[in-house]
């Protein structure tokens, strides 16, 4: 059981150019568990950094709204510190840190309709977030987003 948690987290997004944004989030947690030496399955350090670029296509029709017909490219890099756990013998061990790289593409067809493609864990990192639950390797997802 956790008695106290102290955490510091910061997020910064910075627009480098009109269509380029860079940013990230960094967090650090200090756990003071009650009755245990370590806080199990809780990371002390987490971070996520991204670079986003928007490609705007020329509007051919005057009736097409300006908040559509553009492609957003986003690259993300995620890092998580090693996580302590108890193994089958009740010995304390630490999982290796996590890191992965993701790419997300989204084409805004209409103001409320977009098509997307996400490619996750491009480096096929198989480190575990939870003991005995392997991380999913390279994977992807495609779809259509409709907002109401």
N, C-alpha and C. Protein backbone atom coordinates (compact mmCIF):
# COMPACT_ATOMS: atom_id res chain seq x y z
N UNK A 1 0.84 -1.16 0.00
CA UNK A 1 0.00 0.00 0.00
C UNK A 1 0.90 1.24 0.00
N UNK A 2 0.52 2.23 -0.79
CA UNK A 2 1.29 3.46 -0.90
C UNK A 2 0.81 4.43 0.19
N UNK A 3 1.74 4.96 0.93
CA UNK A 3 1.40 5.92 1.97
C UNK A 3 1.43 7.33 1.41
N UNK A 4 2.49 7.67 0.68
CA UNK A 4 2.60 9.00 0.10
C UNK A 4 3.21 8.91 -1.29
N UNK A 5 2.78 9.83 -2.16
CA UNK A 5 3.34 9.94 -3.50
C UNK A 5 3.63 11.41 -3.75
N UNK A 6 4.84 11.68 -4.15
CA UNK A 6 5.22 13.03 -4.56
C UNK A 6 5.58 12.94 -6.03
N UNK A 7 4.93 13.76 -6.84
CA UNK A 7 5.27 13.71 -8.26
C UNK A 7 5.40 15.11 -8.83
N UNK A 8 6.28 15.20 -9.82
CA UNK A 8 6.50 16.43 -10.55
C UNK A 8 6.34 16.08 -12.02
N UNK A 9 5.53 16.83 -12.71
CA UNK A 9 5.30 16.57 -14.13
C UNK A 9 5.26 17.89 -14.86
N UNK A 10 5.88 17.92 -16.01
CA UNK A 10 5.88 19.13 -16.83
C UNK A 10 5.59 18.79 -18.27
N UNK A 11 4.86 19.67 -18.93
CA UNK A 11 4.53 19.51 -20.34
C UNK A 11 4.86 20.80 -21.06
N UNK A 12 5.47 20.68 -22.21
CA UNK A 12 5.82 21.85 -23.00
C UNK A 12 5.56 21.54 -24.47
N UNK A 13 4.81 22.41 -25.13
CA UNK A 13 4.61 22.35 -26.58
C UNK A 13 5.12 23.66 -27.14
N UNK A 14 5.93 23.60 -28.20
CA UNK A 14 6.53 24.78 -28.77
C UNK A 14 6.34 24.77 -30.28
N UNK A 15 5.73 25.80 -30.81
CA UNK A 15 5.53 25.91 -32.25
C UNK A 15 6.80 26.51 -32.87
N UNK A 16 7.56 25.67 -33.58
CA UNK A 16 8.80 26.13 -34.22
C UNK A 16 8.49 27.00 -35.45
N UNK A 17 7.57 26.52 -36.26
CA UNK A 17 7.12 27.22 -37.46
C UNK A 17 5.60 27.14 -37.50
N UNK A 18 4.99 27.74 -38.50
CA UNK A 18 3.53 27.74 -38.58
C UNK A 18 2.95 26.33 -38.51
N UNK A 19 3.59 25.38 -39.17
CA UNK A 19 3.05 24.03 -39.25
C UNK A 19 3.92 22.98 -38.56
N UNK A 20 4.84 23.40 -37.69
CA UNK A 20 5.71 22.46 -36.98
C UNK A 20 5.62 22.71 -35.47
N UNK A 21 5.28 21.67 -34.73
CA UNK A 21 5.20 21.75 -33.27
C UNK A 21 6.08 20.66 -32.68
N UNK A 22 6.84 21.02 -31.65
CA UNK A 22 7.66 20.04 -30.93
C UNK A 22 7.27 20.15 -29.45
N UNK A 23 7.31 19.04 -28.77
CA UNK A 23 6.92 19.11 -27.36
C UNK A 23 7.14 17.81 -26.64
N UNK A 24 6.68 17.79 -25.41
CA UNK A 24 6.82 16.58 -24.63
C UNK A 24 6.33 16.74 -23.22
N UNK A 25 6.34 15.62 -22.54
CA UNK A 25 5.95 15.56 -21.13
C UNK A 25 7.00 14.74 -20.39
N UNK A 26 7.41 15.22 -19.24
CA UNK A 26 8.36 14.51 -18.39
C UNK A 26 7.77 14.46 -17.00
N UNK A 27 7.80 13.28 -16.39
CA UNK A 27 7.28 13.13 -15.05
C UNK A 27 8.20 12.30 -14.18
N UNK A 28 8.29 12.68 -12.91
CA UNK A 28 9.11 11.95 -11.95
C UNK A 28 8.27 11.75 -10.69
N UNK A 29 8.20 10.52 -10.21
CA UNK A 29 7.41 10.17 -9.03
C UNK A 29 8.31 9.63 -7.93
N UNK A 30 8.02 10.00 -6.69
CA UNK A 30 8.70 9.44 -5.51
C UNK A 30 7.62 8.80 -4.66
N UNK A 31 7.76 7.50 -4.43
CA UNK A 31 6.76 6.74 -3.67
C UNK A 31 7.31 6.40 -2.30
N UNK A 32 6.49 6.51 -1.30
CA UNK A 32 6.85 6.08 0.05
C UNK A 32 5.85 5.02 0.48
N UNK A 33 6.15 3.76 0.16
CA UNK A 33 5.21 2.69 0.49
C UNK A 33 5.20 2.37 1.99
N UNK A 34 4.07 1.88 2.44
CA UNK A 34 3.92 1.48 3.84
C UNK A 34 4.00 -0.05 3.89
N UNK A 35 4.97 -0.57 4.62
CA UNK A 35 5.08 -2.01 4.80
C UNK A 35 5.90 -2.73 3.73
N UNK A 36 6.38 -2.00 2.69
CA UNK A 36 7.19 -2.60 1.64
C UNK A 36 8.42 -1.75 1.39
N UNK A 37 9.45 -2.41 0.89
CA UNK A 37 10.68 -1.70 0.58
C UNK A 37 10.53 -0.81 -0.65
N UNK A 38 9.75 -1.25 -1.63
CA UNK A 38 9.59 -0.54 -2.91
C UNK A 38 8.11 -0.43 -3.25
N UNK A 39 7.77 0.50 -4.13
CA UNK A 39 6.42 0.59 -4.69
C UNK A 39 6.43 -0.23 -5.98
N UNK A 40 5.77 -1.37 -5.95
CA UNK A 40 5.83 -2.30 -7.08
C UNK A 40 4.91 -1.87 -8.21
N UNK A 41 5.38 -2.11 -9.44
CA UNK A 41 4.65 -1.86 -10.69
C UNK A 41 4.36 -0.39 -10.94
N UNK A 42 5.13 0.50 -10.30
CA UNK A 42 4.96 1.94 -10.51
C UNK A 42 6.28 2.53 -10.99
N UNK A 43 6.29 3.19 -12.14
CA UNK A 43 7.54 3.78 -12.64
C UNK A 43 7.89 5.06 -11.90
N UNK A 44 9.18 5.32 -11.76
CA UNK A 44 9.61 6.57 -11.14
C UNK A 44 9.80 7.68 -12.19
N UNK A 45 10.07 7.29 -13.42
CA UNK A 45 10.29 8.28 -14.48
C UNK A 45 9.52 7.88 -15.72
N UNK A 46 8.81 8.83 -16.32
CA UNK A 46 8.09 8.62 -17.57
C UNK A 46 8.27 9.86 -18.44
N UNK A 47 8.41 9.65 -19.74
CA UNK A 47 8.50 10.79 -20.65
C UNK A 47 7.97 10.43 -22.02
N UNK A 48 7.51 11.44 -22.72
CA UNK A 48 6.99 11.29 -24.06
C UNK A 48 7.33 12.56 -24.83
N UNK A 49 8.06 12.43 -25.93
CA UNK A 49 8.45 13.57 -26.75
C UNK A 49 7.86 13.40 -28.14
N UNK A 50 7.50 14.52 -28.78
CA UNK A 50 6.89 14.42 -30.11
C UNK A 50 7.33 15.56 -31.02
N UNK A 51 7.20 15.30 -32.31
CA UNK A 51 7.39 16.30 -33.35
C UNK A 51 6.22 16.14 -34.30
N UNK A 52 5.52 17.25 -34.59
CA UNK A 52 4.32 17.19 -35.43
C UNK A 52 4.47 18.18 -36.58
N UNK A 53 4.12 17.73 -37.78
CA UNK A 53 4.21 18.56 -38.98
C UNK A 53 2.90 18.47 -39.74
N UNK A 54 2.37 19.61 -40.14
CA UNK A 54 1.10 19.65 -40.88
C UNK A 54 1.39 20.07 -42.32
N UNK A 55 0.89 19.26 -43.26
CA UNK A 55 1.00 19.57 -44.69
C UNK A 55 -0.38 20.02 -45.16
N UNK A 56 -0.48 21.26 -45.61
CA UNK A 56 -1.76 21.80 -46.06
C UNK A 56 -1.81 21.74 -47.58
N UNK A 57 -2.90 21.18 -48.09
CA UNK A 57 -3.09 21.06 -49.53
C UNK A 57 -3.93 22.22 -50.03
N UNK A 58 -3.69 22.63 -51.26
CA UNK A 58 -4.45 23.73 -51.84
C UNK A 58 -5.91 23.33 -51.99
N UNK A 59 -6.79 24.30 -51.77
CA UNK A 59 -8.22 24.08 -51.91
C UNK A 59 -8.60 24.30 -53.37
N UNK A 60 -9.20 23.29 -54.00
CA UNK A 60 -9.61 23.41 -55.39
C UNK A 60 -10.99 24.05 -55.52
N UNK A 61 -11.85 23.76 -54.57
CA UNK A 61 -13.21 24.30 -54.61
C UNK A 61 -13.36 25.39 -53.56
N UNK A 62 -14.10 26.42 -53.90
CA UNK A 62 -14.31 27.50 -52.95
C UNK A 62 -15.17 27.07 -51.77
N UNK A 63 -16.01 26.06 -51.95
CA UNK A 63 -16.92 25.62 -50.89
C UNK A 63 -16.22 24.75 -49.84
N UNK A 64 -15.01 24.26 -50.13
CA UNK A 64 -14.30 23.43 -49.16
C UNK A 64 -13.85 24.32 -48.01
N UNK A 65 -14.12 23.88 -46.80
CA UNK A 65 -13.77 24.68 -45.63
C UNK A 65 -12.28 24.62 -45.36
N UNK A 66 -11.75 25.71 -44.79
CA UNK A 66 -10.30 25.80 -44.59
C UNK A 66 -9.78 24.87 -43.50
N UNK A 67 -10.65 24.33 -42.64
CA UNK A 67 -10.18 23.42 -41.58
C UNK A 67 -10.27 21.96 -42.02
N UNK A 68 -10.02 21.73 -43.30
CA UNK A 68 -9.94 20.37 -43.82
C UNK A 68 -8.90 20.34 -44.95
N UNK A 69 -8.70 19.17 -45.52
CA UNK A 69 -7.75 18.95 -46.61
C UNK A 69 -6.31 19.21 -46.19
N UNK A 70 -5.93 18.59 -45.07
CA UNK A 70 -4.54 18.67 -44.63
C UNK A 70 -4.14 17.34 -43.99
N UNK A 71 -2.84 17.09 -43.99
CA UNK A 71 -2.27 15.85 -43.46
C UNK A 71 -1.38 16.21 -42.27
N UNK A 72 -1.60 15.53 -41.15
CA UNK A 72 -0.78 15.73 -39.96
C UNK A 72 0.12 14.51 -39.78
N UNK A 73 1.42 14.75 -39.70
CA UNK A 73 2.41 13.70 -39.45
C UNK A 73 2.94 13.92 -38.04
N UNK A 74 2.95 12.87 -37.23
CA UNK A 74 3.41 13.01 -35.84
C UNK A 74 4.30 11.83 -35.49
N UNK A 75 5.49 12.13 -34.99
CA UNK A 75 6.40 11.11 -34.48
C UNK A 75 6.51 11.27 -32.98
N UNK A 76 6.48 10.15 -32.25
CA UNK A 76 6.57 10.19 -30.79
C UNK A 76 7.63 9.22 -30.29
N UNK A 77 8.33 9.64 -29.26
CA UNK A 77 9.32 8.78 -28.61
C UNK A 77 8.96 8.70 -27.14
N UNK A 78 8.79 7.49 -26.62
CA UNK A 78 8.35 7.26 -25.25
C UNK A 78 9.45 6.55 -24.48
N UNK A 79 9.72 7.03 -23.26
CA UNK A 79 10.72 6.40 -22.38
C UNK A 79 10.12 6.26 -20.99
N UNK A 80 10.29 5.08 -20.40
CA UNK A 80 9.77 4.79 -19.07
C UNK A 80 10.88 4.07 -18.30
N UNK A 81 11.14 4.48 -17.06
CA UNK A 81 12.19 3.85 -16.25
C UNK A 81 11.81 2.41 -15.91
N UNK A 82 12.79 1.62 -15.52
CA UNK A 82 12.54 0.26 -15.07
C UNK A 82 11.57 0.23 -13.89
N UNK A 83 10.80 -0.84 -13.80
CA UNK A 83 9.73 -0.92 -12.80
C UNK A 83 10.00 -2.09 -11.85
N UNK A 84 9.99 -1.83 -10.54
CA UNK A 84 10.24 -2.91 -9.58
C UNK A 84 9.02 -3.84 -9.45
N UNK A 85 9.29 -5.11 -9.17
CA UNK A 85 8.23 -6.10 -8.99
C UNK A 85 8.74 -7.21 -8.07
N UNK A 86 7.82 -8.03 -7.59
CA UNK A 86 8.16 -9.23 -6.82
C UNK A 86 8.03 -10.44 -7.74
N UNK A 87 9.06 -11.26 -7.82
CA UNK A 87 8.97 -12.47 -8.65
C UNK A 87 8.31 -13.61 -7.87
N UNK A 88 8.30 -14.80 -8.47
CA UNK A 88 7.64 -15.96 -7.86
C UNK A 88 8.21 -16.34 -6.50
N UNK A 89 9.49 -16.01 -6.26
CA UNK A 89 10.15 -16.33 -4.99
C UNK A 89 10.07 -15.19 -3.98
N UNK A 90 9.27 -14.18 -4.30
CA UNK A 90 9.12 -12.99 -3.46
C UNK A 90 10.41 -12.18 -3.37
N UNK A 91 11.26 -12.31 -4.38
CA UNK A 91 12.47 -11.50 -4.47
C UNK A 91 12.16 -10.24 -5.28
N UNK A 92 12.76 -9.13 -4.89
CA UNK A 92 12.56 -7.88 -5.60
C UNK A 92 13.46 -7.85 -6.82
N UNK A 93 12.89 -7.52 -7.96
CA UNK A 93 13.63 -7.38 -9.21
C UNK A 93 13.10 -6.14 -9.93
N UNK A 94 13.80 -5.72 -10.96
CA UNK A 94 13.38 -4.54 -11.72
C UNK A 94 13.31 -4.89 -13.20
N UNK A 95 12.16 -4.59 -13.83
CA UNK A 95 12.02 -4.79 -15.27
C UNK A 95 12.87 -3.75 -16.00
N UNK A 96 13.34 -4.10 -17.18
CA UNK A 96 14.11 -3.15 -17.99
C UNK A 96 13.23 -1.97 -18.36
N UNK A 97 13.84 -0.82 -18.57
CA UNK A 97 13.08 0.36 -18.97
C UNK A 97 12.40 0.16 -20.32
N UNK A 98 11.34 0.90 -20.53
CA UNK A 98 10.61 0.83 -21.79
C UNK A 98 11.00 2.01 -22.67
N UNK A 99 10.99 1.80 -23.94
CA UNK A 99 11.17 2.87 -24.91
C UNK A 99 10.56 2.39 -26.21
N UNK A 100 9.90 3.27 -26.89
CA UNK A 100 9.41 2.93 -28.22
C UNK A 100 9.20 4.20 -29.04
N UNK A 101 9.06 3.99 -30.33
CA UNK A 101 8.90 5.08 -31.28
C UNK A 101 7.63 4.81 -32.08
N UNK A 102 6.77 5.83 -32.18
CA UNK A 102 5.49 5.69 -32.87
C UNK A 102 5.35 6.76 -33.94
N UNK A 103 4.59 6.45 -34.99
CA UNK A 103 4.29 7.40 -36.05
C UNK A 103 2.78 7.40 -36.26
N UNK A 104 2.22 8.60 -36.36
CA UNK A 104 0.78 8.73 -36.56
C UNK A 104 0.55 9.68 -37.74
N UNK A 105 -0.29 9.25 -38.68
CA UNK A 105 -0.67 10.07 -39.83
C UNK A 105 -2.18 10.27 -39.77
N UNK A 106 -2.63 11.49 -40.01
CA UNK A 106 -4.07 11.75 -40.03
C UNK A 106 -4.38 12.73 -41.13
N UNK A 107 -5.30 12.34 -42.02
CA UNK A 107 -5.74 13.21 -43.11
C UNK A 107 -7.13 13.73 -42.78
N UNK A 108 -7.26 15.05 -42.67
CA UNK A 108 -8.53 15.67 -42.34
C UNK A 108 -9.31 15.85 -43.64
N UNK A 109 -10.31 15.01 -43.86
CA UNK A 109 -11.08 15.02 -45.10
C UNK A 109 -12.08 16.16 -45.09
N UNK A 110 -12.83 16.25 -44.05
CA UNK A 110 -13.82 17.31 -43.80
C UNK A 110 -13.59 17.81 -42.37
N UNK A 111 -14.21 18.92 -41.97
CA UNK A 111 -13.97 19.41 -40.61
C UNK A 111 -14.24 18.38 -39.51
N UNK A 112 -15.17 17.46 -39.71
CA UNK A 112 -15.48 16.48 -38.67
C UNK A 112 -15.19 15.04 -39.09
N UNK A 113 -14.48 14.85 -40.20
CA UNK A 113 -14.17 13.49 -40.69
C UNK A 113 -12.69 13.42 -41.05
N UNK A 114 -12.01 12.40 -40.52
CA UNK A 114 -10.59 12.21 -40.79
C UNK A 114 -10.29 10.72 -40.94
N UNK A 115 -9.27 10.41 -41.72
CA UNK A 115 -8.76 9.04 -41.84
C UNK A 115 -7.38 9.03 -41.18
N UNK A 116 -7.05 7.93 -40.49
CA UNK A 116 -5.77 7.90 -39.79
C UNK A 116 -5.08 6.55 -39.93
N UNK A 117 -3.77 6.58 -39.71
CA UNK A 117 -2.93 5.39 -39.68
C UNK A 117 -1.93 5.59 -38.55
N UNK A 118 -1.87 4.65 -37.61
CA UNK A 118 -0.92 4.70 -36.51
C UNK A 118 -0.02 3.48 -36.58
N UNK A 119 1.28 3.70 -36.55
CA UNK A 119 2.26 2.62 -36.49
C UNK A 119 2.98 2.76 -35.16
N UNK A 120 2.85 1.74 -34.32
CA UNK A 120 3.35 1.80 -32.96
C UNK A 120 4.50 0.83 -32.73
N UNK A 121 5.41 1.25 -31.86
CA UNK A 121 6.58 0.45 -31.47
C UNK A 121 7.38 0.03 -32.72
N UNK A 122 7.74 1.01 -33.50
CA UNK A 122 8.47 0.75 -34.76
C UNK A 122 9.78 0.02 -34.55
N UNK A 123 10.41 0.17 -33.39
CA UNK A 123 11.67 -0.51 -33.14
C UNK A 123 11.47 -1.90 -32.55
N UNK A 124 10.21 -2.33 -32.43
CA UNK A 124 9.83 -3.67 -31.98
C UNK A 124 10.45 -4.02 -30.62
N UNK A 125 10.43 -3.06 -29.71
CA UNK A 125 10.92 -3.27 -28.34
C UNK A 125 9.97 -4.22 -27.62
N UNK A 126 10.50 -5.28 -27.04
CA UNK A 126 9.66 -6.28 -26.36
C UNK A 126 9.79 -6.24 -24.84
N UNK A 127 10.35 -5.15 -24.30
CA UNK A 127 10.45 -5.04 -22.84
C UNK A 127 9.05 -5.02 -22.23
N UNK A 128 8.94 -5.43 -21.00
CA UNK A 128 7.65 -5.58 -20.34
C UNK A 128 7.31 -4.36 -19.49
N UNK A 129 6.04 -3.98 -19.48
CA UNK A 129 5.54 -2.96 -18.55
C UNK A 129 5.08 -3.64 -17.26
N UNK A 130 4.52 -4.82 -17.37
CA UNK A 130 4.04 -5.62 -16.24
C UNK A 130 4.78 -6.96 -16.26
N UNK A 131 5.17 -7.45 -15.11
CA UNK A 131 5.91 -8.71 -15.01
C UNK A 131 5.08 -9.85 -15.60
N UNK A 132 5.69 -10.63 -16.48
CA UNK A 132 5.12 -11.78 -17.18
C UNK A 132 4.05 -11.42 -18.21
N UNK A 133 3.89 -10.14 -18.52
CA UNK A 133 2.99 -9.70 -19.58
C UNK A 133 3.83 -8.99 -20.63
N UNK A 134 4.25 -9.71 -21.67
CA UNK A 134 5.12 -9.09 -22.67
C UNK A 134 4.43 -7.95 -23.41
N UNK A 135 5.23 -6.97 -23.76
CA UNK A 135 4.71 -5.83 -24.51
C UNK A 135 4.43 -6.26 -25.93
N UNK A 136 3.37 -5.72 -26.50
CA UNK A 136 3.06 -5.98 -27.89
C UNK A 136 4.17 -5.38 -28.74
N UNK A 137 4.68 -6.13 -29.69
CA UNK A 137 5.74 -5.63 -30.56
C UNK A 137 5.19 -4.62 -31.56
N UNK A 138 5.81 -4.54 -32.71
CA UNK A 138 5.35 -3.61 -33.75
C UNK A 138 3.89 -3.90 -34.05
N UNK A 139 3.10 -2.84 -34.11
CA UNK A 139 1.67 -2.98 -34.42
C UNK A 139 1.16 -1.72 -35.07
N UNK A 140 0.01 -1.80 -35.66
CA UNK A 140 -0.57 -0.66 -36.34
C UNK A 140 -2.08 -0.64 -36.23
N UNK A 141 -2.63 0.50 -36.55
CA UNK A 141 -4.08 0.67 -36.51
C UNK A 141 -4.45 1.69 -37.57
N UNK A 142 -5.53 1.43 -38.29
CA UNK A 142 -6.03 2.36 -39.30
C UNK A 142 -7.52 2.52 -39.10
N UNK A 143 -8.04 3.67 -39.46
CA UNK A 143 -9.47 3.86 -39.29
C UNK A 143 -9.94 5.22 -39.76
N UNK A 144 -11.19 5.46 -39.46
CA UNK A 144 -11.85 6.73 -39.78
C UNK A 144 -12.36 7.32 -38.49
N UNK A 145 -12.14 8.59 -38.31
CA UNK A 145 -12.61 9.31 -37.12
C UNK A 145 -13.74 10.24 -37.54
N UNK A 146 -14.88 10.12 -36.86
CA UNK A 146 -16.02 10.98 -37.14
C UNK A 146 -16.41 11.66 -35.82
N UNK A 147 -16.46 12.97 -35.83
CA UNK A 147 -16.82 13.73 -34.64
C UNK A 147 -18.24 14.27 -34.78
N UNK A 148 -18.98 14.20 -33.70
CA UNK A 148 -20.37 14.69 -33.71
C UNK A 148 -20.50 15.95 -32.89
